[in-house]
Amino acid sequence: MARESIPERRSGCPVSVSLEVLGDRWSLLIVRDMMVRGYRTFREFQHAGEGIASNILADRLRKLEAAEILTTEPAAEDGRSAHYRLTAKGIALAPMLLELLIWGAQHEETGVPCEVIAQMAENREAVLAETYRRWAERDSTPLIPPFNSADMSPGNNAEARGTRKTNRSEKAKTSSNQKTSLKGKSKP
């Protein structure tokens, strides 16, 4: 793909510059899907459950490639299709994305089991080490269980905000078969 020209910066502030590259919801969700879910193909991104239109997805993938956050490679099984891969610049977003995952789950009702987030918060360094290992080894095994939108019912939202500890223990029981070890262990 041809590299798009980078527009003139509004300011020299690092937050402003970062938001110019990653400031829309779709770009961060694509990076999340690559880093956390192990997604590599256009089809996987399109069916990630977020409802992104194909034209928006194609545009964001182009912009992320132009910003050197990701790159494309021919798929090993079929050279006609492309696989997307985070660059070193893209994988460097791991600490920020981890903190967004933890912050979102601690302050908003989400579809991620609270026990998984608690493990991530307690083991930040191990989670990041595992993320970097998977990237280096091209391991596309998902880092955390799939986000379950069933936990997002209106009743759960009100209850979750009023009694977090009870909701966490209930979610932990229902997600016991989805537990993912985040203590730096490799897959079997």
C-alpha atoms as a PDB file:
ATOM      1  CA  MET A   1       0.000   0.000   0.000  1.00  0.00           C
ATOM      2  CA  ALA A   2       1.150   3.506  -0.716  1.00  0.00           C
ATOM      3  CA  ARG A   3       1.855   5.524   2.384  1.00  0.00           C
ATOM      4  CA  GLU A   4      -0.717   8.275   2.886  1.00  0.00           C
ATOM      5  CA  SER A   5       0.578  11.744   3.588  1.00  0.00           C
ATOM      6  CA  ILE A   6       0.375  12.715   7.229  1.00  0.00           C
ATOM      7  CA  PRO A   7      -1.682  15.877   7.770  1.00  0.00           C
ATOM      8  CA  GLU A   8      -0.129  18.897   9.434  1.00  0.00           C
ATOM      9  CA  ARG A   9      -0.239  18.618  13.239  1.00  0.00           C
ATOM     10  CA  ARG A  10      -2.607  20.846  15.202  1.00  0.00           C
ATOM     11  CA  SER A  11      -0.105  21.180  18.010  1.00  0.00           C
ATOM     12  CA  GLY A  12       3.101  19.684  19.299  1.00  0.00           C
ATOM     13  CA  CYS A  13       1.405  18.195  22.361  1.00  0.00           C
ATOM     14  CA  PRO A  14       2.116  14.427  22.528  1.00  0.00           C
ATOM     15  CA  VAL A  15      -1.503  13.699  23.546  1.00  0.00           C
ATOM     16  CA  SER A  16      -2.822  15.703  20.595  1.00  0.00           C
ATOM     17  CA  VAL A  17      -0.391  14.028  18.177  1.00  0.00           C
ATOM     18  CA  SER A  18      -1.344  10.569  19.517  1.00  0.00           C
ATOM     19  CA  LEU A  19      -5.052  11.339  19.173  1.00  0.00           C
ATOM     20  CA  GLU A  20      -4.534  12.405  15.570  1.00  0.00           C
ATOM     21  CA  VAL A  21      -3.280   8.875  14.867  1.00  0.00           C
ATOM     22  CA  LEU A  22      -5.485   6.846  17.251  1.00  0.00           C
ATOM     23  CA  GLY A  23      -8.262   9.216  18.301  1.00  0.00           C
ATOM     24  CA  ASP A  24     -11.206   7.467  16.710  1.00  0.00           C
ATOM     25  CA  ARG A  25     -12.868   4.438  18.238  1.00  0.00           C
ATOM     26  CA  TRP A  26     -12.276   2.138  15.273  1.00  0.00           C
ATOM     27  CA  SER A  27      -8.501   2.496  15.176  1.00  0.00           C
ATOM     28  CA  LEU A  28      -8.097   1.483  18.818  1.00  0.00           C
ATOM     29  CA  LEU A  29     -10.543  -1.406  18.406  1.00  0.00           C
ATOM     30  CA  ILE A  30      -8.545  -2.725  15.454  1.00  0.00           C
ATOM     31  CA  VAL A  31      -5.343  -2.517  17.512  1.00  0.00           C
ATOM     32  CA  ARG A  32      -7.168  -4.223  20.410  1.00  0.00           C
ATOM     33  CA  ASP A  33      -8.359  -7.018  18.131  1.00  0.00           C
ATOM     34  CA  MET A  34      -4.852  -7.610  16.842  1.00  0.00           C
ATOM     35  CA  MET A  35      -3.211  -7.472  20.257  1.00  0.00           C
ATOM     36  CA  VAL A  36      -5.803  -9.118  22.509  1.00  0.00           C
ATOM     37  CA  ARG A  37      -7.869 -11.341  20.212  1.00  0.00           C
ATOM     38  CA  GLY A  38      -5.131 -12.340  17.766  1.00  0.00           C
ATOM     39  CA  TYR A  39      -7.068 -11.172  14.698  1.00  0.00           C
ATOM     40  CA  ARG A  40      -5.128 -10.874  11.442  1.00  0.00           C
ATOM     41  CA  THR A  41      -7.599 -10.671   8.555  1.00  0.00           C
ATOM     42  CA  PHE A  42     -10.078  -8.139   7.223  1.00  0.00           C
ATOM     43  CA  ARG A  43     -12.853 -10.695   7.731  1.00  0.00           C
ATOM     44  CA  GLU A  44     -11.950 -11.241  11.394  1.00  0.00           C
ATOM     45  CA  PHE A  45     -11.997  -7.491  12.062  1.00  0.00           C
ATOM     46  CA  GLN A  46     -15.297  -7.089  10.231  1.00  0.00           C
ATOM     47  CA  HIS A  47     -16.938  -9.871  12.262  1.00  0.00           C
ATOM     48  CA  ALA A  48     -15.486  -8.790  15.622  1.00  0.00           C
ATOM     49  CA  GLY A  49     -18.932  -7.826  16.881  1.00  0.00           C
ATOM     50  CA  GLU A  50     -18.460  -4.053  16.889  1.00  0.00           C
ATOM     51  CA  GLY A  51     -20.500  -3.424  13.735  1.00  0.00           C
ATOM     52  CA  ILE A  52     -17.830  -1.649  11.706  1.00  0.00           C
ATOM     53  CA  ALA A  53     -18.787  -1.018   8.083  1.00  0.00           C
ATOM     54  CA  SER A  54     -16.393  -2.469   5.498  1.00  0.00           C
ATOM     55  CA  ASN A  55     -15.555   0.943   4.001  1.00  0.00           C
ATOM     56  CA  ILE A  56     -14.692   2.360   7.453  1.00  0.00           C
ATOM     57  CA  LEU A  57     -12.618  -0.718   8.267  1.00  0.00           C
ATOM     58  CA  ALA A  58     -10.677  -0.455   5.002  1.00  0.00           C
ATOM     59  CA  ASP A  59     -10.057   3.250   5.637  1.00  0.00           C
ATOM     60  CA  ARG A  60      -8.818   2.702   9.207  1.00  0.00           C
ATOM     61  CA  LEU A  61      -6.545  -0.155   8.166  1.00  0.00           C
ATOM     62  CA  ARG A  62      -5.009   2.126   5.509  1.00  0.00           C
ATOM     63  CA  LYS A  63      -4.556   4.936   8.045  1.00  0.00           C
ATOM     64  CA  LEU A  64      -2.991   2.624  10.625  1.00  0.00           C
ATOM     65  CA  GLU A  65      -0.608   1.317   7.979  1.00  0.00           C
ATOM     66  CA  ALA A  66       0.261   4.872   6.890  1.00  0.00           C
ATOM     67  CA  ALA A  67       0.989   5.717  10.540  1.00  0.00           C
ATOM     68  CA  GLU A  68       3.219   2.601  10.735  1.00  0.00           C
ATOM     69  CA  ILE A  69       1.073   1.070  13.487  1.00  0.00           C
ATOM     70  CA  LEU A  70       0.495  -2.045  11.395  1.00  0.00           C
ATOM     71  CA  THR A  71       1.763  -3.619   8.223  1.00  0.00           C
ATOM     72  CA  THR A  72       0.379  -6.102   5.727  1.00  0.00           C
ATOM     73  CA  GLU A  73       1.924  -9.390   4.678  1.00  0.00           C
ATOM     74  CA  PRO A  74       0.731 -12.002   2.205  1.00  0.00           C
ATOM     75  CA  ALA A  75      -1.114 -14.830   3.966  1.00  0.00           C
ATOM     76  CA  ALA A  76       1.004 -18.001   4.051  1.00  0.00           C
ATOM     77  CA  GLU A  77      -1.935 -20.205   3.042  1.00  0.00           C
ATOM     78  CA  ASP A  78      -3.074 -17.925   0.207  1.00  0.00           C
ATOM     79  CA  GLY A  79      -0.751 -15.235  -1.115  1.00  0.00           C
ATOM     80  CA  ARG A  80      -3.712 -13.381  -2.646  1.00  0.00           C
ATOM     81  CA  SER A  81      -5.062 -12.376   0.752  1.00  0.00           C
ATOM     82  CA  ALA A  82      -3.355 -10.182   3.319  1.00  0.00           C
ATOM     83  CA  HIS A  83      -2.665 -10.610   6.983  1.00  0.00           C
ATOM     84  CA  TYR A  84      -2.277  -7.536   9.147  1.00  0.00           C
ATOM     85  CA  ARG A  85       0.444  -7.428  11.777  1.00  0.00           C
ATOM     86  CA  LEU A  86       1.321  -4.848  14.393  1.00  0.00           C
ATOM     87  CA  THR A  87       4.672  -3.160  13.893  1.00  0.00           C
ATOM     88  CA  ALA A  88       7.085  -2.443  16.736  1.00  0.00           C
ATOM     89  CA  LYS A  89       5.399   0.982  16.955  1.00  0.00           C
ATOM     90  CA  GLY A  90       1.997  -0.722  17.154  1.00  0.00           C
ATOM     91  CA  ILE A  91       2.934  -3.268  19.812  1.00  0.00           C
ATOM     92  CA  ALA A  92       4.378  -0.388  21.851  1.00  0.00           C
ATOM     93  CA  LEU A  93       0.724   0.568  22.465  1.00  0.00           C
ATOM     94  CA  ALA A  94       0.303  -2.525  24.692  1.00  0.00           C
ATOM     95  CA  PRO A  95       0.736  -0.740  28.061  1.00  0.00           C
ATOM     96  CA  MET A  96      -1.778   1.962  27.088  1.00  0.00           C
ATOM     97  CA  LEU A  97      -4.288  -0.579  25.792  1.00  0.00           C
ATOM     98  CA  LEU A  98      -3.911  -2.711  28.929  1.00  0.00           C
ATOM     99  CA  GLU A  99      -4.621   0.323  31.097  1.00  0.00           C
ATOM    100  CA  LEU A 100      -7.699   1.162  28.963  1.00  0.00           C
ATOM    101  CA  LEU A 101      -8.987  -2.411  29.404  1.00  0.00           C
ATOM    102  CA  ILE A 102      -8.499  -2.258  33.159  1.00  0.00           C
ATOM    103  CA  TRP A 103      -9.889   1.268  33.505  1.00  0.00           C
ATOM    104  CA  GLY A 104     -12.974   0.474  31.405  1.00  0.00           C
ATOM    105  CA  ALA A 105     -13.754  -2.686  33.355  1.00  0.00           C
ATOM    106  CA  GLN A 106     -13.250  -0.996  36.716  1.00  0.00           C
ATOM    107  CA  HIS A 107     -15.394   2.042  35.948  1.00  0.00           C
ATOM    108  CA  GLU A 108     -17.996   0.806  33.456  1.00  0.00           C
ATOM    109  CA  GLU A 109     -20.025  -2.359  32.988  1.00  0.00           C
ATOM    110  CA  THR A 110     -18.309  -4.494  30.360  1.00  0.00           C
ATOM    111  CA  GLY A 111     -18.492  -7.974  28.893  1.00  0.00           C
ATOM    112  CA  VAL A 112     -15.130  -9.064  30.299  1.00  0.00           C
ATOM    113  CA  PRO A 113     -15.302 -11.235  33.423  1.00  0.00           C
ATOM    114  CA  CYS A 114     -14.187  -9.193  36.442  1.00  0.00           C
ATOM    115  CA  GLU A 115     -11.870 -11.966  37.584  1.00  0.00           C
ATOM    116  CA  VAL A 116      -9.912 -11.727  34.318  1.00  0.00           C
ATOM    117  CA  ILE A 117      -9.533  -7.965  34.728  1.00  0.00           C
ATOM    118  CA  ALA A 118      -8.485  -8.392  38.365  1.00  0.00           C
ATOM    119  CA  GLN A 119      -5.770 -10.845  37.247  1.00  0.00           C
ATOM    120  CA  MET A 120      -4.634  -8.410  34.570  1.00  0.00           C
ATOM    121  CA  ALA A 121      -4.492  -5.519  37.042  1.00  0.00           C
ATOM    122  CA  GLU A 122      -2.508  -7.572  39.566  1.00  0.00           C
ATOM    123  CA  ASN A 123      -0.131  -8.957  36.946  1.00  0.00           C
ATOM    124  CA  ARG A 124       0.431  -6.041  34.551  1.00  0.00           C
ATOM    125  CA  GLU A 125       4.077  -6.898  33.860  1.00  0.00           C
ATOM    126  CA  ALA A 126       3.299 -10.559  33.153  1.00  0.00           C
ATOM    127  CA  VAL A 127       0.388  -9.623  30.863  1.00  0.00           C
ATOM    128  CA  LEU A 128       2.608  -7.246  28.912  1.00  0.00           C
ATOM    129  CA  ALA A 129       5.416  -9.815  28.720  1.00  0.00           C
ATOM    130  CA  GLU A 130       2.949 -12.390  27.377  1.00  0.00           C
ATOM    131  CA  THR A 131       1.578  -9.854  24.871  1.00  0.00           C
ATOM    132  CA  TYR A 132       5.085  -9.094  23.607  1.00  0.00           C
ATOM    133  CA  ARG A 133       5.961 -12.813  23.475  1.00  0.00           C
ATOM    134  CA  ARG A 134       2.883 -13.606  21.399  1.00  0.00           C
ATOM    135  CA  TRP A 135       3.687 -10.746  19.043  1.00  0.00           C
ATOM    136  CA  ALA A 136       7.342 -11.809  18.638  1.00  0.00           C
ATOM    137  CA  GLU A 137       6.372 -15.450  18.060  1.00  0.00           C
ATOM    138  CA  ARG A 138       3.397 -14.558  15.826  1.00  0.00           C
ATOM    139  CA  ASP A 139       1.135 -16.437  18.232  1.00  0.00           C
ATOM    140  CA  SER A 140      -2.461 -15.433  17.534  1.00  0.00           C
ATOM    141  CA  THR A 141      -3.953 -17.216  20.556  1.00  0.00           C
ATOM    142  CA  PRO A 142      -6.423 -14.795  22.215  1.00  0.00           C
ATOM    143  CA  LEU A 143      -5.041 -13.169  25.359  1.00  0.00           C
ATOM    144  CA  ILE A 144      -8.409 -13.008  27.173  1.00  0.00           C
ATOM    145  CA  PRO A 145     -11.776 -14.760  26.742  1.00  0.00           C
ATOM    146  CA  PRO A 146     -14.221 -13.350  24.179  1.00  0.00           C
ATOM    147  CA  PHE A 147     -16.181 -10.339  25.367  1.00  0.00           C
ATOM    148  CA  ASN A 148     -19.662 -11.508  26.308  1.00  0.00           C
ATOM    149  CA  SER A 149     -22.352  -8.992  25.449  1.00  0.00           C
ATOM    150  CA  ALA A 150     -24.910 -11.086  27.395  1.00  0.00           C
ATOM    151  CA  ASP A 151     -23.527  -9.544  30.608  1.00  0.00           C
ATOM    152  CA  MET A 152     -24.544  -6.096  29.325  1.00  0.00           C
ATOM    153  CA  SER A 153     -28.262  -6.344  30.059  1.00  0.00           C
ATOM    154  CA  PRO A 154     -29.841  -3.232  31.650  1.00  0.00           C
ATOM    155  CA  GLY A 155     -30.353  -5.006  34.962  1.00  0.00           C
ATOM    156  CA  ASN A 156     -26.704  -5.980  35.160  1.00  0.00           C
ATOM    157  CA  ASN A 157     -25.551  -2.419  34.457  1.00  0.00           C
ATOM    158  CA  ALA A 158     -27.485  -0.920  37.387  1.00  0.00           C
ATOM    159  CA  GLU A 159     -26.566  -3.766  39.704  1.00  0.00           C
ATOM    160  CA  ALA A 160     -22.897  -3.653  38.687  1.00  0.00           C
ATOM    161  CA  ARG A 161     -22.531   0.028  39.454  1.00  0.00           C
ATOM    162  CA  GLY A 162     -24.308  -0.319  42.807  1.00  0.00           C
ATOM    163  CA  THR A 163     -22.677  -3.500  44.101  1.00  0.00           C
ATOM    164  CA  ARG A 164     -19.392  -4.215  42.296  1.00  0.00           C
ATOM    165  CA  LYS A 165     -18.119  -6.864  44.718  1.00  0.00           C
ATOM    166  CA  THR A 166     -21.237  -9.031  44.474  1.00  0.00           C
ATOM    167  CA  ASN A 167     -21.288  -8.738  40.694  1.00  0.00           C
ATOM    168  CA  ARG A 168     -17.598  -9.678  40.482  1.00  0.00           C
ATOM    169  CA  SER A 169     -18.110 -12.840  42.490  1.00  0.00           C
ATOM    170  CA  GLU A 170     -21.149 -13.845  40.418  1.00  0.00           C
ATOM    171  CA  LYS A 171     -19.283 -13.236  37.172  1.00  0.00           C
ATOM    172  CA  ALA A 172     -16.288 -15.202  38.436  1.00  0.00           C
ATOM    173  CA  LYS A 173     -18.515 -18.243  39.059  1.00  0.00           C
ATOM    174  CA  THR A 174     -20.116 -18.065  35.595  1.00  0.00           C
ATOM    175  CA  SER A 175     -16.813 -17.590  33.831  1.00  0.00           C
ATOM    176  CA  SER A 176     -14.799 -20.300  35.576  1.00  0.00           C
ATOM    177  CA  ASN A 177     -14.555 -22.298  32.345  1.00  0.00           C
ATOM    178  CA  GLN A 178     -13.248 -19.221  30.486  1.00  0.00           C
ATOM    179  CA  LYS A 179     -10.319 -18.488  32.793  1.00  0.00           C
ATOM    180  CA  THR A 180      -7.105 -17.587  31.022  1.00  0.00           C
ATOM    181  CA  SER A 181      -3.792 -17.822  32.800  1.00  0.00           C
ATOM    182  CA  LEU A 182      -2.107 -14.451  32.631  1.00  0.00           C
ATOM    183  CA  LYS A 183       0.879 -15.269  34.754  1.00  0.00           C
ATOM    184  CA  GLY A 184       3.252 -15.515  31.774  1.00  0.00           C
ATOM    185  CA  LYS A 185       2.721 -19.205  31.056  1.00  0.00           C
ATOM    186  CA  SER A 186       2.887 -20.346  27.461  1.00  0.00           C
ATOM    187  CA  LYS A 187       0.096 -22.310  25.883  1.00  0.00           C
ATOM    188  CA  PRO A 188       0.340 -26.111  26.271  1.00  0.00           C
END
